[in-house]
Amino acid sequence: MNEQRPAQRLIQMSVPKRTVRLAPDAQRDFDDILLYTRRTWGAGQRARYRAAIERALDTLSRFPEAGRPRDDRFPGCRSLQVEQHVIYFYQSGPDEIEVIRILHQRQDAGAAVRDPRG
């Protein structure tokens, strides 16, 4: 007996994207990281590292709960490791993520990451 199964349907669900905004300090961090990377390891490595950080930022836009909670910095703070750097962020509104800093893993986050809300 040859039974036919109903065709499976794939339902693609999209995850709402939030705006990811880099605070001025985070934008400076990002620019400095890319400049240092280019000077030290060349344009190709700079492009790869930039892509890795941008992929992480895109992940945050879709999954703001990504990374790990960092309430030791301030309530609602989270961090996400990207190779040798750590992105510190929080959900600043229902549709917005604010990146506060992008620091090398050896930098003192305690001195650099502060609650931007006061």
C-alpha atoms as a PDB file:
ATOM      1  CA  MET A   1       0.000   0.000   0.000  1.00  0.00           C
ATOM      2  CA  ASN A   2       1.480   3.316  -1.046  1.00  0.00           C
ATOM      3  CA  GLU A   3       0.343   6.058   1.290  1.00  0.00           C
ATOM      4  CA  GLN A   4       0.923   9.617   0.345  1.00  0.00           C
ATOM      5  CA  ARG A   5       1.802  12.037   3.048  1.00  0.00           C
ATOM      6  CA  PRO A   6       0.580  15.587   2.842  1.00  0.00           C
ATOM      7  CA  ALA A   7       3.250  17.951   1.610  1.00  0.00           C
ATOM      8  CA  GLN A   8       5.037  19.759   4.370  1.00  0.00           C
ATOM      9  CA  ARG A   9       4.765  23.488   4.397  1.00  0.00           C
ATOM     10  CA  LEU A  10       7.591  25.651   5.501  1.00  0.00           C
ATOM     11  CA  ILE A  11       6.434  28.789   7.151  1.00  0.00           C
ATOM     12  CA  GLN A  12       9.088  31.405   7.304  1.00  0.00           C
ATOM     13  CA  MET A  13       8.602  33.670  10.258  1.00  0.00           C
ATOM     14  CA  SER A  14      10.447  36.905  10.425  1.00  0.00           C
ATOM     15  CA  VAL A  15      11.763  38.349  13.621  1.00  0.00           C
ATOM     16  CA  PRO A  16      11.068  42.052  14.002  1.00  0.00           C
ATOM     17  CA  LYS A  17      14.250  44.083  13.764  1.00  0.00           C
ATOM     18  CA  ARG A  18      15.064  46.836  16.172  1.00  0.00           C
ATOM     19  CA  THR A  19      17.179  49.850  15.419  1.00  0.00           C
ATOM     20  CA  VAL A  20      20.711  49.502  16.744  1.00  0.00           C
ATOM     21  CA  ARG A  21      22.244  52.852  17.592  1.00  0.00           C
ATOM     22  CA  LEU A  22      25.866  53.370  18.519  1.00  0.00           C
ATOM     23  CA  ALA A  23      26.405  55.951  21.256  1.00  0.00           C
ATOM     24  CA  PRO A  24      29.202  58.426  20.454  1.00  0.00           C
ATOM     25  CA  ASP A  25      31.701  56.494  22.626  1.00  0.00           C
ATOM     26  CA  ALA A  26      30.770  53.228  20.890  1.00  0.00           C
ATOM     27  CA  GLN A  27      31.143  54.811  17.446  1.00  0.00           C
ATOM     28  CA  ARG A  28      34.585  56.096  18.458  1.00  0.00           C
ATOM     29  CA  ASP A  29      35.482  52.621  19.760  1.00  0.00           C
ATOM     30  CA  PHE A  30      34.387  51.043  16.470  1.00  0.00           C
ATOM     31  CA  ASP A  31      36.353  53.547  14.378  1.00  0.00           C
ATOM     32  CA  ASP A  32      39.461  53.086  16.553  1.00  0.00           C
ATOM     33  CA  ILE A  33      39.210  49.282  16.346  1.00  0.00           C
ATOM     34  CA  LEU A  34      39.036  49.407  12.559  1.00  0.00           C
ATOM     35  CA  LEU A  35      41.912  51.870  12.276  1.00  0.00           C
ATOM     36  CA  TYR A  36      44.124  49.822  14.601  1.00  0.00           C
ATOM     37  CA  THR A  37      43.241  46.610  12.775  1.00  0.00           C
ATOM     38  CA  ARG A  38      44.090  48.096   9.366  1.00  0.00           C
ATOM     39  CA  ARG A  39      47.387  49.553  10.578  1.00  0.00           C
ATOM     40  CA  THR A  40      48.405  46.369  12.369  1.00  0.00           C
ATOM     41  CA  TRP A  41      47.094  43.565  10.151  1.00  0.00           C
ATOM     42  CA  GLY A  42      46.051  45.203   6.868  1.00  0.00           C
ATOM     43  CA  ALA A  43      42.930  46.075   4.928  1.00  0.00           C
ATOM     44  CA  GLY A  44      41.787  42.481   4.452  1.00  0.00           C
ATOM     45  CA  GLN A  45      41.724  41.761   8.173  1.00  0.00           C
ATOM     46  CA  ARG A  46      40.037  45.114   8.788  1.00  0.00           C
ATOM     47  CA  ALA A  47      37.242  44.143   6.377  1.00  0.00           C
ATOM     48  CA  ARG A  48      36.801  40.728   8.040  1.00  0.00           C
ATOM     49  CA  TYR A  49      36.715  42.214  11.535  1.00  0.00           C
ATOM     50  CA  ARG A  50      34.295  44.943  10.481  1.00  0.00           C
ATOM     51  CA  ALA A  51      32.008  42.279   9.003  1.00  0.00           C
ATOM     52  CA  ALA A  52      32.162  40.250  12.240  1.00  0.00           C
ATOM     53  CA  ILE A  53      31.175  43.264  14.354  1.00  0.00           C
ATOM     54  CA  GLU A  54      28.428  44.256  11.919  1.00  0.00           C
ATOM     55  CA  ARG A  55      27.037  40.687  12.010  1.00  0.00           C
ATOM     56  CA  ALA A  56      26.946  40.916  15.807  1.00  0.00           C
ATOM     57  CA  LEU A  57      25.106  44.244  15.619  1.00  0.00           C
ATOM     58  CA  ASP A  58      22.613  42.695  13.203  1.00  0.00           C
ATOM     59  CA  THR A  59      22.107  39.826  15.653  1.00  0.00           C
ATOM     60  CA  LEU A  60      21.330  42.376  18.369  1.00  0.00           C
ATOM     61  CA  SER A  61      18.742  44.017  16.112  1.00  0.00           C
ATOM     62  CA  ARG A  62      16.864  40.715  15.897  1.00  0.00           C
ATOM     63  CA  PHE A  63      17.681  39.207  19.287  1.00  0.00           C
ATOM     64  CA  PRO A  64      18.172  41.908  21.941  1.00  0.00           C
ATOM     65  CA  GLU A  65      18.428  39.197  24.599  1.00  0.00           C
ATOM     66  CA  ALA A  66      21.601  37.881  22.935  1.00  0.00           C
ATOM     67  CA  GLY A  67      24.760  37.803  24.953  1.00  0.00           C
ATOM     68  CA  ARG A  68      24.822  37.731  28.690  1.00  0.00           C
ATOM     69  CA  PRO A  69      23.209  39.927  31.331  1.00  0.00           C
ATOM     70  CA  ARG A  70      25.602  42.470  32.842  1.00  0.00           C
ATOM     71  CA  ASP A  71      23.547  43.942  35.649  1.00  0.00           C
ATOM     72  CA  ASP A  72      26.865  44.320  37.491  1.00  0.00           C
ATOM     73  CA  ARG A  73      27.452  47.316  35.158  1.00  0.00           C
ATOM     74  CA  PHE A  74      23.902  48.687  35.400  1.00  0.00           C
ATOM     75  CA  PRO A  75      20.363  47.241  35.315  1.00  0.00           C
ATOM     76  CA  GLY A  76      19.475  46.040  31.824  1.00  0.00           C
ATOM     77  CA  CYS A  77      23.037  46.064  30.505  1.00  0.00           C
ATOM     78  CA  ARG A  78      24.106  43.098  28.374  1.00  0.00           C
ATOM     79  CA  SER A  79      27.328  42.139  26.624  1.00  0.00           C
ATOM     80  CA  LEU A  80      28.157  40.166  23.509  1.00  0.00           C
ATOM     81  CA  GLN A  81      31.662  38.883  22.740  1.00  0.00           C
ATOM     82  CA  VAL A  82      32.958  39.347  19.185  1.00  0.00           C
ATOM     83  CA  GLU A  83      36.380  37.804  18.817  1.00  0.00           C
ATOM     84  CA  GLN A  84      38.690  39.957  21.002  1.00  0.00           C
ATOM     85  CA  HIS A  85      36.078  42.649  21.729  1.00  0.00           C
ATOM     86  CA  VAL A  86      32.971  42.938  23.867  1.00  0.00           C
ATOM     87  CA  ILE A  87      29.899  44.937  22.838  1.00  0.00           C
ATOM     88  CA  TYR A  88      28.059  46.492  25.802  1.00  0.00           C
ATOM     89  CA  PHE A  89      24.446  47.409  25.101  1.00  0.00           C
ATOM     90  CA  TYR A  90      20.949  47.761  26.503  1.00  0.00           C
ATOM     91  CA  GLN A  91      17.422  47.991  25.128  1.00  0.00           C
ATOM     92  CA  SER A  92      16.758  51.729  25.257  1.00  0.00           C
ATOM     93  CA  GLY A  93      13.196  51.472  23.955  1.00  0.00           C
ATOM     94  CA  PRO A  94      10.747  48.882  22.634  1.00  0.00           C
ATOM     95  CA  ASP A  95      12.291  49.079  19.159  1.00  0.00           C
ATOM     96  CA  GLU A  96      15.801  50.324  19.892  1.00  0.00           C
ATOM     97  CA  ILE A  97      19.080  48.894  21.129  1.00  0.00           C
ATOM     98  CA  GLU A  98      21.815  51.281  22.223  1.00  0.00           C
ATOM     99  CA  VAL A  99      25.412  50.131  22.049  1.00  0.00           C
ATOM    100  CA  ILE A 100      27.303  51.952  24.780  1.00  0.00           C
ATOM    101  CA  ARG A 101      30.856  50.718  24.218  1.00  0.00           C
ATOM    102  CA  ILE A 102      32.851  48.239  22.155  1.00  0.00           C
ATOM    103  CA  LEU A 103      35.884  47.380  24.266  1.00  0.00           C
ATOM    104  CA  HIS A 104      38.804  45.028  23.929  1.00  0.00           C
ATOM    105  CA  GLN A 105      38.348  42.127  26.323  1.00  0.00           C
ATOM    106  CA  ARG A 106      41.371  43.319  28.330  1.00  0.00           C
ATOM    107  CA  GLN A 107      40.049  46.847  28.827  1.00  0.00           C
ATOM    108  CA  ASP A 108      38.579  47.820  32.177  1.00  0.00           C
ATOM    109  CA  ALA A 109      34.830  47.758  31.541  1.00  0.00           C
ATOM    110  CA  GLY A 110      34.171  48.863  35.110  1.00  0.00           C
ATOM    111  CA  ALA A 111      35.706  52.233  34.352  1.00  0.00           C
ATOM    112  CA  ALA A 112      34.316  52.569  30.818  1.00  0.00           C
ATOM    113  CA  VAL A 113      30.741  51.238  30.940  1.00  0.00           C
ATOM    114  CA  ARG A 114      28.318  53.526  32.737  1.00  0.00           C
ATOM    115  CA  ASP A 115      24.539  53.741  32.753  1.00  0.00           C
ATOM    116  CA  PRO A 116      23.730  56.322  30.052  1.00  0.00           C
ATOM    117  CA  ARG A 117      20.377  57.023  31.678  1.00  0.00           C
ATOM    118  CA  GLY A 118      22.066  58.802  34.544  1.00  0.00           C
END
